[in-house]
């Protein structure tokens, strides 16, 4: 949906978990993590919609602006903020479990 992807997880988030990796690797890791969160949020939103709402959203994504899509989601997905936070928490949890491997200490 967005040409400028959301940054749910940042370099600062990685540092909070003690993950220290070189600049080239960190860029790829952040891209992967944020893409994963975005995909999970999208899948959960789609699951929460009925067939008619799904058709509406898909049509709006084809013809509308990013702001219009965001407004539609806010109006039709009352748990959106919780969905976002849950998926960030899940991904950060997975990241925390992988910290040693990411740092190359395992």
C-alpha atoms as a PDB file:
ATOM      1  CA  UNK A   1       0.000   0.000   0.000  1.00  0.00           C
ATOM      2  CA  UNK A   2       2.698   2.452   0.975  1.00  0.00           C
ATOM      3  CA  UNK A   3       5.742   3.351  -1.093  1.00  0.00           C
ATOM      4  CA  UNK A   4       7.457   4.656   2.074  1.00  0.00           C
ATOM      5  CA  UNK A   5       7.167   1.669   4.398  1.00  0.00           C
ATOM      6  CA  UNK A   6       6.294   2.040   8.048  1.00  0.00           C
ATOM      7  CA  UNK A   7       9.137   1.627  10.471  1.00  0.00           C
ATOM      8  CA  UNK A   8       7.653  -0.395  13.275  1.00  0.00           C
ATOM      9  CA  UNK A   9      11.096  -1.581  14.370  1.00  0.00           C
ATOM     10  CA  UNK A  10      14.092   0.745  14.244  1.00  0.00           C
ATOM     11  CA  UNK A  11      17.833   0.549  14.921  1.00  0.00           C
ATOM     12  CA  UNK A  12      17.023   1.785  18.437  1.00  0.00           C
ATOM     13  CA  UNK A  13      14.670  -1.179  18.927  1.00  0.00           C
ATOM     14  CA  UNK A  14      17.470  -3.539  17.914  1.00  0.00           C
ATOM     15  CA  UNK A  15      19.870  -1.874  20.349  1.00  0.00           C
ATOM     16  CA  UNK A  16      17.320  -2.281  23.160  1.00  0.00           C
ATOM     17  CA  UNK A  17      17.570  -6.023  22.562  1.00  0.00           C
ATOM     18  CA  UNK A  18      21.343  -5.923  22.497  1.00  0.00           C
ATOM     19  CA  UNK A  19      21.555  -6.634  18.789  1.00  0.00           C
ATOM     20  CA  UNK A  20      24.628  -5.067  17.275  1.00  0.00           C
ATOM     21  CA  UNK A  21      25.224  -5.775  13.616  1.00  0.00           C
ATOM     22  CA  UNK A  22      26.966  -3.913  10.838  1.00  0.00           C
ATOM     23  CA  UNK A  23      25.201  -1.198   8.868  1.00  0.00           C
ATOM     24  CA  UNK A  24      24.687  -3.330   5.743  1.00  0.00           C
ATOM     25  CA  UNK A  25      23.092  -6.170   7.687  1.00  0.00           C
ATOM     26  CA  UNK A  26      20.983  -3.908   9.902  1.00  0.00           C
ATOM     27  CA  UNK A  27      19.345  -2.287   6.886  1.00  0.00           C
ATOM     28  CA  UNK A  28      18.337  -5.665   5.452  1.00  0.00           C
ATOM     29  CA  UNK A  29      17.171  -6.932   8.859  1.00  0.00           C
ATOM     30  CA  UNK A  30      15.035  -3.852   9.519  1.00  0.00           C
ATOM     31  CA  UNK A  31      13.522  -4.070   6.057  1.00  0.00           C
ATOM     32  CA  UNK A  32      12.666  -7.730   6.586  1.00  0.00           C
ATOM     33  CA  UNK A  33      11.207  -7.163  10.065  1.00  0.00           C
ATOM     34  CA  UNK A  34       9.078  -4.207   9.034  1.00  0.00           C
ATOM     35  CA  UNK A  35       7.863  -5.986   5.888  1.00  0.00           C
ATOM     36  CA  UNK A  36       6.936  -8.989   8.033  1.00  0.00           C
ATOM     37  CA  UNK A  37       4.942  -6.808  10.430  1.00  0.00           C
ATOM     38  CA  UNK A  38       3.204  -5.056   7.527  1.00  0.00           C
ATOM     39  CA  UNK A  39       2.232  -8.411   5.968  1.00  0.00           C
ATOM     40  CA  UNK A  40       0.931  -9.759   9.271  1.00  0.00           C
ATOM     41  CA  UNK A  41      -1.137  -6.626   9.901  1.00  0.00           C
ATOM     42  CA  UNK A  42      -2.582  -6.817   6.385  1.00  0.00           C
ATOM     43  CA  UNK A  43      -3.475 -10.487   6.791  1.00  0.00           C
ATOM     44  CA  UNK A  44      -5.157  -9.865  10.134  1.00  0.00           C
ATOM     45  CA  UNK A  45      -7.140  -6.923   8.742  1.00  0.00           C
ATOM     46  CA  UNK A  46      -8.305  -9.009   5.787  1.00  0.00           C
ATOM     47  CA  UNK A  47      -9.407 -11.797   8.131  1.00  0.00           C
ATOM     48  CA  UNK A  48     -11.461  -9.320  10.161  1.00  0.00           C
ATOM     49  CA  UNK A  49     -13.461  -8.075   7.158  1.00  0.00           C
ATOM     50  CA  UNK A  50     -16.590  -9.548   5.642  1.00  0.00           C
ATOM     51  CA  UNK A  51     -16.713 -10.153   1.875  1.00  0.00           C
ATOM     52  CA  UNK A  52     -18.323  -6.795   1.087  1.00  0.00           C
ATOM     53  CA  UNK A  53     -15.812  -4.855   3.185  1.00  0.00           C
ATOM     54  CA  UNK A  54     -12.954  -6.745   1.576  1.00  0.00           C
ATOM     55  CA  UNK A  55     -14.213  -5.817  -1.900  1.00  0.00           C
ATOM     56  CA  UNK A  56     -14.518  -2.178  -0.789  1.00  0.00           C
ATOM     57  CA  UNK A  57     -10.982  -2.116   0.619  1.00  0.00           C
ATOM     58  CA  UNK A  58      -9.450  -3.758  -2.453  1.00  0.00           C
ATOM     59  CA  UNK A  59     -11.213  -1.293  -4.741  1.00  0.00           C
ATOM     60  CA  UNK A  60     -10.047   1.631  -2.621  1.00  0.00           C
ATOM     61  CA  UNK A  61      -6.468   0.360  -2.659  1.00  0.00           C
ATOM     62  CA  UNK A  62      -6.594   0.373  -6.460  1.00  0.00           C
ATOM     63  CA  UNK A  63      -8.071   3.863  -6.846  1.00  0.00           C
ATOM     64  CA  UNK A  64      -7.609   5.745  -3.575  1.00  0.00           C
ATOM     65  CA  UNK A  65      -4.747   7.471  -1.847  1.00  0.00           C
ATOM     66  CA  UNK A  66      -2.806   6.083   1.092  1.00  0.00           C
ATOM     67  CA  UNK A  67      -4.659   8.514   3.357  1.00  0.00           C
ATOM     68  CA  UNK A  68      -8.044   7.345   2.060  1.00  0.00           C
ATOM     69  CA  UNK A  69      -7.103   3.704   2.649  1.00  0.00           C
ATOM     70  CA  UNK A  70      -5.913   4.571   6.158  1.00  0.00           C
ATOM     71  CA  UNK A  71      -9.139   6.410   6.928  1.00  0.00           C
ATOM     72  CA  UNK A  72     -11.201   3.495   5.613  1.00  0.00           C
ATOM     73  CA  UNK A  73      -9.285   1.041   7.780  1.00  0.00           C
ATOM     74  CA  UNK A  74      -9.679   3.278  10.834  1.00  0.00           C
ATOM     75  CA  UNK A  75     -13.444   3.432  10.221  1.00  0.00           C
ATOM     76  CA  UNK A  76     -13.963  -0.274   9.478  1.00  0.00           C
ATOM     77  CA  UNK A  77     -11.366  -2.029  11.641  1.00  0.00           C
ATOM     78  CA  UNK A  78     -12.001  -0.896  15.211  1.00  0.00           C
ATOM     79  CA  UNK A  79      -9.157  -3.029  16.592  1.00  0.00           C
ATOM     80  CA  UNK A  80      -6.583  -1.658  14.145  1.00  0.00           C
ATOM     81  CA  UNK A  81      -4.282  -0.120  16.764  1.00  0.00           C
ATOM     82  CA  UNK A  82      -4.358  -3.350  18.797  1.00  0.00           C
ATOM     83  CA  UNK A  83      -3.669  -5.405  15.654  1.00  0.00           C
ATOM     84  CA  UNK A  84      -0.625  -3.241  14.925  1.00  0.00           C
ATOM     85  CA  UNK A  85       0.687  -3.460  18.487  1.00  0.00           C
ATOM     86  CA  UNK A  86       0.099  -7.221  18.727  1.00  0.00           C
ATOM     87  CA  UNK A  87       2.028  -7.851  15.527  1.00  0.00           C
ATOM     88  CA  UNK A  88       4.898  -5.602  16.605  1.00  0.00           C
ATOM     89  CA  UNK A  89       5.031  -7.450  19.944  1.00  0.00           C
ATOM     90  CA  UNK A  90       5.019 -10.862  18.240  1.00  0.00           C
ATOM     91  CA  UNK A  91       7.790  -9.892  15.836  1.00  0.00           C
ATOM     92  CA  UNK A  92       9.874  -8.267  18.574  1.00  0.00           C
ATOM     93  CA  UNK A  93       9.398 -11.414  20.668  1.00  0.00           C
ATOM     94  CA  UNK A  94      10.647 -13.548  17.792  1.00  0.00           C
ATOM     95  CA  UNK A  95      13.545 -11.154  17.372  1.00  0.00           C
ATOM     96  CA  UNK A  96      14.428 -11.389  21.063  1.00  0.00           C
ATOM     97  CA  UNK A  97      14.483 -15.189  20.826  1.00  0.00           C
ATOM     98  CA  UNK A  98      16.915 -14.921  17.903  1.00  0.00           C
ATOM     99  CA  UNK A  99      19.240 -12.305  19.412  1.00  0.00           C
ATOM    100  CA  UNK A 100      22.171 -14.648  20.035  1.00  0.00           C
ATOM    101  CA  UNK A 101      21.998 -16.091  16.520  1.00  0.00           C
ATOM    102  CA  UNK A 102      21.724 -12.625  14.974  1.00  0.00           C
ATOM    103  CA  UNK A 103      24.739 -11.449  16.934  1.00  0.00           C
ATOM    104  CA  UNK A 104      26.646 -14.518  15.771  1.00  0.00           C
ATOM    105  CA  UNK A 105      27.261 -15.817  19.284  1.00  0.00           C
ATOM    106  CA  UNK A 106      25.582 -19.181  18.801  1.00  0.00           C
END
